[in-house]
């Protein structure tokens, strides 16, 4: 199949077959999954891709349908009518632009998250039907001005308990937030490192005292797990949006779930003024005339590993993007601050 067989020349074009690695239209993939999917035995040995799934395609028709139902249009009037979603707003603006301007194809397995995330959303929606003081899967919007135009921001919070003023957001994840690790200099009481990640070496370097380093486990204090910063921003924007629509929300909690269980983390919402500043900055990035820049923040560089427009991004950038670039930029900034 060629690109010309698809009605649009930009945005999501279709799937890459898990077995043949060939592009297929969404309807063709759905029909194939309904028949049981392709097997490696369907291919001559010399044509079997070296990285093909050894058991053949694992996708079923309901999953393919669920993935397609959850995809939003990348381009055209349909995308404009739906507005700029909170998820897209807080994500990479360059990715959003390239998805609108460049054609791309994805394996169904690369969109597994799109299907998996629907499961709890549907459960929340069913729950809300029997609770008059609960709102689930309802889309709200607010208007923001940037670059001389009014932009509609839309969002669909998972669950709002109106009697408590609580917003609940569900996140399926591979990596549950871990207990918070704070490493503190025993001499100056200055915090050396503060994150969820454990120092893997015996010693931790200390810039605050003459000793220069300490035994890591001796200066470690464990705290409660914390929600990821991007998720805190997301629920904070939802909270402001809900208030703009007459629904007071005072607090939020994020429920992380993996295959073993779930973890509920209360979230302190960002101040309203800070949220508006964030929203206006992000809207400006998404609506600027020139192509937005690449991600250089190490905490956000993981997005590049899952970006469907990465090849186009690197081609236009003229080099690799993602974690390697973020590390390079971070090192350059440190050297600059040191006067090199």
Protein backbone atom coordinates (compact mmCIF):
# COMPACT_ATOMS: atom_id res chain seq x y z
CA UNK A 1 0.00 0.00 0.00
CA UNK A 2 1.23 3.50 -0.78
CA UNK A 3 0.58 6.75 1.00
CA UNK A 4 -1.64 7.88 -1.88
CA UNK A 5 -4.17 5.20 -1.01
CA UNK A 6 -4.94 7.08 2.20
CA UNK A 7 -7.30 10.10 1.98
CA UNK A 8 -4.93 12.34 3.96
CA UNK A 9 -1.24 12.87 3.22
CA UNK A 10 -0.36 13.98 6.73
CA UNK A 11 -0.99 12.70 10.24
CA UNK A 12 -1.74 9.10 11.19
CA UNK A 13 -1.87 6.99 8.02
CA UNK A 14 -2.35 3.51 9.36
CA UNK A 15 -0.60 0.60 11.01
CA UNK A 16 2.67 -1.20 10.41
CA UNK A 17 1.92 -4.93 10.48
CA UNK A 18 3.48 -6.63 13.50
CA UNK A 19 4.45 -9.62 11.34
CA UNK A 20 5.23 -8.38 7.84
CA UNK A 21 6.40 -4.87 8.80
CA UNK A 22 4.36 -3.61 5.83
CA UNK A 23 1.98 -0.60 6.08
CA UNK A 24 -1.73 -1.43 6.16
CA UNK A 25 -4.83 0.71 6.34
CA UNK A 26 -6.66 0.69 9.71
CA UNK A 27 -9.66 -1.16 8.22
CA UNK A 28 -7.36 -3.83 6.77
CA UNK A 29 -5.62 -4.32 10.11
CA UNK A 30 -8.97 -4.59 11.90
CA UNK A 31 -10.27 -7.16 9.39
CA UNK A 32 -7.04 -9.18 9.68
CA UNK A 33 -7.21 -9.20 13.48
CA UNK A 34 -10.86 -10.36 13.26
CA UNK A 35 -9.67 -13.35 11.22
CA UNK A 36 -7.02 -14.27 13.77
CA UNK A 37 -4.09 -12.16 12.63
CA UNK A 38 -1.06 -13.09 10.58
CA UNK A 39 1.39 -15.81 11.60
CA UNK A 40 5.03 -16.23 10.63
CA UNK A 41 3.97 -19.42 8.92
CA UNK A 42 2.10 -17.23 6.44
CA UNK A 43 5.42 -15.92 5.16
CA UNK A 44 8.22 -17.58 3.24
CA UNK A 45 11.20 -17.91 5.62
CA UNK A 46 13.36 -15.60 3.53
CA UNK A 47 10.70 -12.87 3.82
CA UNK A 48 10.14 -13.09 7.57
CA UNK A 49 11.48 -9.86 9.15
CA UNK A 50 14.24 -10.55 11.70
CA UNK A 51 12.41 -8.54 14.38
CA UNK A 52 8.94 -9.99 13.75
CA UNK A 53 6.92 -11.23 16.71
CA UNK A 54 7.87 -14.89 17.02
CA UNK A 55 4.32 -16.00 17.79
CA UNK A 56 2.80 -13.92 15.04
CA UNK A 57 0.38 -11.04 15.60
CA UNK A 58 -1.01 -10.87 19.14
CA UNK A 59 -3.65 -8.24 18.39
CA UNK A 60 -7.37 -8.98 18.46
CA UNK A 61 -10.20 -7.06 16.80
CA UNK A 62 -11.56 -5.40 20.00
CA UNK A 63 -8.09 -4.07 20.84
CA UNK A 64 -7.52 -2.66 17.33
CA UNK A 65 -10.99 -1.10 17.44
CA UNK A 66 -10.31 0.33 20.89
CA UNK A 67 -7.05 1.87 19.72
CA UNK A 68 -8.74 3.46 16.70
CA UNK A 69 -11.64 4.79 18.79
CA UNK A 70 -9.22 6.52 21.15
CA UNK A 71 -7.13 8.23 18.46
CA UNK A 72 -7.73 11.92 17.91
CA UNK A 73 -7.36 13.49 14.45
CA UNK A 74 -3.97 15.10 13.83
CA UNK A 75 -5.01 17.57 11.20
CA UNK A 76 -7.82 19.36 9.46
CA UNK A 77 -11.05 20.90 10.67
CA UNK A 78 -11.87 17.93 12.91
CA UNK A 79 -8.77 18.57 15.01
CA UNK A 80 -9.56 22.29 15.23
CA UNK A 81 -13.12 21.61 16.38
CA UNK A 82 -11.86 19.44 19.24
CA UNK A 83 -9.47 22.13 20.41
CA UNK A 84 -6.07 21.68 21.98
CA UNK A 85 -6.31 18.99 24.64
CA UNK A 86 -4.59 19.34 28.00
CA UNK A 87 -2.51 16.22 27.27
CA UNK A 88 -1.29 17.64 23.95
CA UNK A 89 -0.82 21.09 25.49
CA UNK A 90 1.59 19.81 28.14
CA UNK A 91 3.42 17.48 25.75
CA UNK A 92 6.06 18.27 23.14
CA UNK A 93 4.83 21.09 20.90
CA UNK A 94 7.25 20.03 18.16
CA UNK A 95 5.76 16.52 18.13
CA UNK A 96 2.23 17.90 17.90
CA UNK A 97 3.19 20.12 14.96
CA UNK A 98 5.05 17.38 13.09
CA UNK A 99 2.15 14.95 13.57
CA UNK A 100 -0.03 17.51 11.80
CA UNK A 101 2.43 18.18 8.99
CA UNK A 102 4.09 14.79 8.39
CA UNK A 103 2.65 11.35 7.59
CA UNK A 104 3.40 8.59 10.06
CA UNK A 105 2.64 4.91 10.64
CA UNK A 106 2.72 2.93 13.89
CA UNK A 107 2.64 -0.67 14.99
CA UNK A 108 -0.50 -1.49 17.00
CA UNK A 109 1.79 -2.49 19.88
CA UNK A 110 3.13 1.09 19.94
CA UNK A 111 -0.41 2.29 20.63
CA UNK A 112 -1.16 -0.29 23.31
CA UNK A 113 -1.19 2.50 25.91
CA UNK A 114 -4.08 4.11 24.00
CA UNK A 115 -6.21 1.01 24.54
CA UNK A 116 -4.99 0.22 28.04
CA UNK A 117 -5.78 3.70 29.31
CA UNK A 118 -9.44 3.32 28.31
CA UNK A 119 -10.09 0.46 30.71
CA UNK A 120 -10.18 2.49 33.92
CA UNK A 121 -11.84 5.42 32.18
CA UNK A 122 -14.74 3.17 31.27
CA UNK A 123 -14.91 1.86 34.84
CA UNK A 124 -15.04 5.43 36.18
CA UNK A 125 -17.77 6.33 33.72
CA UNK A 126 -19.87 3.36 34.77
CA UNK A 127 -19.37 4.24 38.43
CA UNK A 128 -20.48 7.85 37.90
CA UNK A 129 -23.80 6.71 36.44
CA UNK A 130 -24.82 5.56 39.92
CA UNK A 131 -23.36 8.49 41.87
CA UNK A 132 -25.12 11.84 41.49
CA UNK A 133 -22.15 13.64 43.03
CA UNK A 134 -19.62 12.21 40.59
CA UNK A 135 -18.63 13.38 37.10
CA UNK A 136 -16.62 11.10 34.83
CA UNK A 137 -15.35 11.31 31.26
CA UNK A 138 -17.08 14.63 30.58
CA UNK A 139 -15.24 17.07 28.33
CA UNK A 140 -14.75 20.66 29.49
CA UNK A 141 -13.07 23.63 27.84
CA UNK A 142 -11.67 27.09 28.41
CA UNK A 143 -10.32 29.83 26.15
CA UNK A 144 -6.74 31.12 26.23
CA UNK A 145 -5.26 33.96 24.21
CA UNK A 146 -1.79 33.58 22.69
CA UNK A 147 -0.01 34.90 19.61
CA UNK A 148 -2.97 37.16 18.82
CA UNK A 149 -5.60 34.43 18.70
CA UNK A 150 -8.06 32.72 21.02
CA UNK A 151 -7.37 29.02 21.49
CA UNK A 152 -9.79 26.54 23.02
CA UNK A 153 -8.24 24.16 25.54
CA UNK A 154 -10.24 20.99 26.21
CA UNK A 155 -9.90 18.33 28.85
CA UNK A 156 -11.68 15.22 30.04
CA UNK A 157 -10.93 14.53 33.74
CA UNK A 158 -11.24 10.90 34.76
CA UNK A 159 -13.40 11.42 37.85
CA UNK A 160 -14.60 14.41 39.89
CA UNK A 161 -16.26 13.95 43.28
CA UNK A 162 -18.21 17.20 43.49
CA UNK A 163 -19.28 16.89 47.14
CA UNK A 164 -15.64 16.67 48.21
CA UNK A 165 -14.16 18.97 45.57
CA UNK A 166 -11.70 16.21 44.62
CA UNK A 167 -10.33 15.38 41.18
CA UNK A 168 -9.16 11.79 40.69
CA UNK A 169 -6.89 10.88 37.79
CA UNK A 170 -5.92 7.31 36.90
CA UNK A 171 -2.54 6.45 35.39
CA UNK A 172 -1.48 3.03 34.14
CA UNK A 173 2.27 2.73 34.35
CA UNK A 174 5.23 0.38 34.03
CA UNK A 175 7.08 2.13 36.84
CA UNK A 176 5.23 2.99 40.03
CA UNK A 177 6.49 6.11 41.83
CA UNK A 178 9.04 4.96 44.38
CA UNK A 179 9.63 6.14 47.97
CA UNK A 180 11.29 9.58 47.85
CA UNK A 181 15.02 9.61 48.55
CA UNK A 182 16.62 12.63 50.20
CA UNK A 183 20.39 12.66 50.70
CA UNK A 184 21.48 15.35 53.18
CA UNK A 185 24.94 16.54 54.15
CA UNK A 186 25.37 15.67 57.88
CA UNK A 187 27.72 18.64 58.37
CA UNK A 188 25.78 21.51 56.76
CA UNK A 189 22.26 19.99 56.58
CA UNK A 190 22.17 20.95 52.89
CA UNK A 191 20.26 18.60 50.58
CA UNK A 192 22.72 16.89 48.23
CA UNK A 193 20.14 15.06 46.15
CA UNK A 194 16.36 14.84 46.24
CA UNK A 195 14.58 12.37 43.92
CA UNK A 196 12.84 9.01 43.71
CA UNK A 197 15.98 7.35 42.35
CA UNK A 198 18.50 5.55 44.53
CA UNK A 199 22.22 6.40 44.38
CA UNK A 200 23.78 3.19 43.09
CA UNK A 201 27.30 3.89 44.30
CA UNK A 202 28.61 3.42 47.85
CA UNK A 203 29.51 7.09 48.18
CA UNK A 204 27.65 10.24 47.20
CA UNK A 205 29.69 13.31 46.28
CA UNK A 206 29.02 16.35 48.50
CA UNK A 207 29.74 19.94 47.38
CA UNK A 208 28.72 21.43 50.75
CA UNK A 209 31.45 20.33 53.16
CA UNK A 210 35.18 19.65 53.34
CA UNK A 211 34.67 15.89 53.52
CA UNK A 212 33.67 15.94 49.85
CA UNK A 213 31.61 12.76 50.00
CA UNK A 214 29.57 10.57 52.33
CA UNK A 215 28.45 6.96 52.52
CA UNK A 216 25.18 7.17 50.59
CA UNK A 217 23.08 4.93 52.83
CA UNK A 218 24.18 6.84 55.94
CA UNK A 219 22.77 10.17 54.70
CA UNK A 220 19.59 8.79 53.12
CA UNK A 221 16.08 9.49 54.43
CA UNK A 222 13.11 7.77 52.78
CA UNK A 223 9.84 9.63 52.24
CA UNK A 224 6.46 8.88 50.73
CA UNK A 225 6.22 8.39 46.95
CA UNK A 226 5.39 11.54 45.00
CA UNK A 227 3.40 11.99 41.82
CA UNK A 228 5.35 12.73 38.63
CA UNK A 229 5.65 16.45 37.86
CA UNK A 230 3.90 16.19 34.49
CA UNK A 231 0.91 14.54 36.14
CA UNK A 232 0.76 17.26 38.81
CA UNK A 233 0.68 19.87 36.05
CA UNK A 234 -2.08 17.97 34.25
CA UNK A 235 -4.46 17.73 37.22
CA UNK A 236 -3.69 21.35 38.15
CA UNK A 237 -4.78 22.49 34.67
CA UNK A 238 -7.89 20.30 34.95
CA UNK A 239 -8.70 21.91 38.31
CA UNK A 240 -8.49 25.43 36.86
CA UNK A 241 -10.59 24.34 33.87
CA UNK A 242 -13.25 22.86 36.15
CA UNK A 243 -13.38 26.05 38.23
CA UNK A 244 -13.80 28.04 35.00
CA UNK A 245 -16.84 25.84 34.33
CA UNK A 246 -18.36 26.41 37.77
CA UNK A 247 -17.14 23.21 39.42
CA UNK A 248 -14.97 23.99 42.48
CA UNK A 249 -12.02 21.64 42.93
CA UNK A 250 -9.74 22.07 45.91
CA UNK A 251 -7.53 19.00 45.78
CA UNK A 252 -6.57 16.06 43.61
CA UNK A 253 -5.19 12.58 43.82
CA UNK A 254 -3.49 10.43 41.23
CA UNK A 255 -4.04 6.68 41.29
CA UNK A 256 -1.12 4.83 39.69
CA UNK A 257 -1.81 1.28 38.57
CA UNK A 258 0.37 -1.52 37.32
CA UNK A 259 -0.28 -5.25 36.93
CA UNK A 260 0.36 -5.85 40.66
CA UNK A 261 -1.89 -3.21 42.19
CA UNK A 262 -2.39 0.50 42.64
CA UNK A 263 -0.94 3.42 44.56
CA UNK A 264 -2.99 6.48 45.53
CA UNK A 265 -1.01 9.71 45.89
CA UNK A 266 -2.60 12.95 47.14
CA UNK A 267 -1.49 15.94 45.07
CA UNK A 268 -1.05 19.54 46.14
CA UNK A 269 -2.41 21.54 43.23
CA UNK A 270 -0.25 24.25 41.71
CA UNK A 271 -1.31 27.87 42.45
CA UNK A 272 -3.85 29.20 39.98
CA UNK A 273 -1.55 32.01 38.78
CA UNK A 274 1.22 29.50 38.10
CA UNK A 275 -1.16 27.30 36.12
CA UNK A 276 -2.30 30.20 33.92
CA UNK A 277 1.31 31.15 33.25
CA UNK A 278 2.10 27.55 32.31
CA UNK A 279 -0.95 27.29 30.04
CA UNK A 280 -0.20 30.56 28.26
CA UNK A 281 3.44 29.54 27.69
CA UNK A 282 2.43 26.18 26.31
CA UNK A 283 -0.30 27.62 24.06
CA UNK A 284 2.22 30.13 22.70
CA UNK A 285 4.61 27.28 21.88
CA UNK A 286 1.88 25.32 20.09
CA UNK A 287 0.63 28.28 18.06
CA UNK A 288 3.91 29.94 17.03
CA UNK A 289 4.53 30.23 13.30
CA UNK A 290 7.93 28.54 13.29
CA UNK A 291 8.44 24.89 14.14
CA UNK A 292 8.89 24.51 17.94
CA UNK A 293 12.32 23.47 19.14
CA UNK A 294 13.44 20.02 20.25
CA UNK A 295 13.21 18.81 23.85
CA UNK A 296 16.37 19.57 25.85
CA UNK A 297 15.05 19.02 29.38
CA UNK A 298 16.40 15.67 30.68
CA UNK A 299 13.17 15.12 32.64
CA UNK A 300 11.13 15.30 29.42
CA UNK A 301 13.50 13.62 26.96
CA UNK A 302 11.80 10.24 27.49
CA UNK A 303 8.99 11.52 25.22
CA UNK A 304 11.30 11.16 22.21
CA UNK A 305 11.47 7.38 22.74
CA UNK A 306 7.73 7.14 22.09
CA UNK A 307 7.37 9.84 19.43
CA UNK A 308 5.83 8.76 16.10
CA UNK A 309 7.39 11.78 14.39
CA UNK A 310 10.92 11.18 15.69
CA UNK A 311 12.48 10.40 12.32
CA UNK A 312 11.08 13.60 10.79
CA UNK A 313 12.13 15.54 13.89
CA UNK A 314 15.73 14.32 13.69
CA UNK A 315 15.87 14.93 9.94
CA UNK A 316 14.77 18.55 10.37
CA UNK A 317 16.95 19.03 13.45
CA UNK A 318 19.98 17.62 11.68
CA UNK A 319 20.93 15.13 14.36
CA UNK A 320 19.76 12.86 17.18
CA UNK A 321 17.17 14.03 19.72
CA UNK A 322 16.10 12.61 23.05
CA UNK A 323 18.18 11.55 26.03
CA UNK A 324 21.57 11.92 24.33
CA UNK A 325 20.80 15.48 23.20
CA UNK A 326 19.36 16.41 26.60
CA UNK A 327 22.49 15.12 28.35
CA UNK A 328 24.69 17.05 25.91
CA UNK A 329 22.71 20.26 26.47
CA UNK A 330 22.76 19.78 30.24
CA UNK A 331 26.55 19.28 30.22
CA UNK A 332 27.01 22.42 28.10
CA UNK A 333 24.89 24.42 30.54
CA UNK A 334 26.89 23.20 33.53
CA UNK A 335 30.18 24.12 31.83
CA UNK A 336 28.79 27.56 30.97
CA UNK A 337 27.80 28.13 34.60
CA UNK A 338 31.31 27.12 35.66
CA UNK A 339 32.78 29.68 33.28
CA UNK A 340 34.16 27.37 30.61
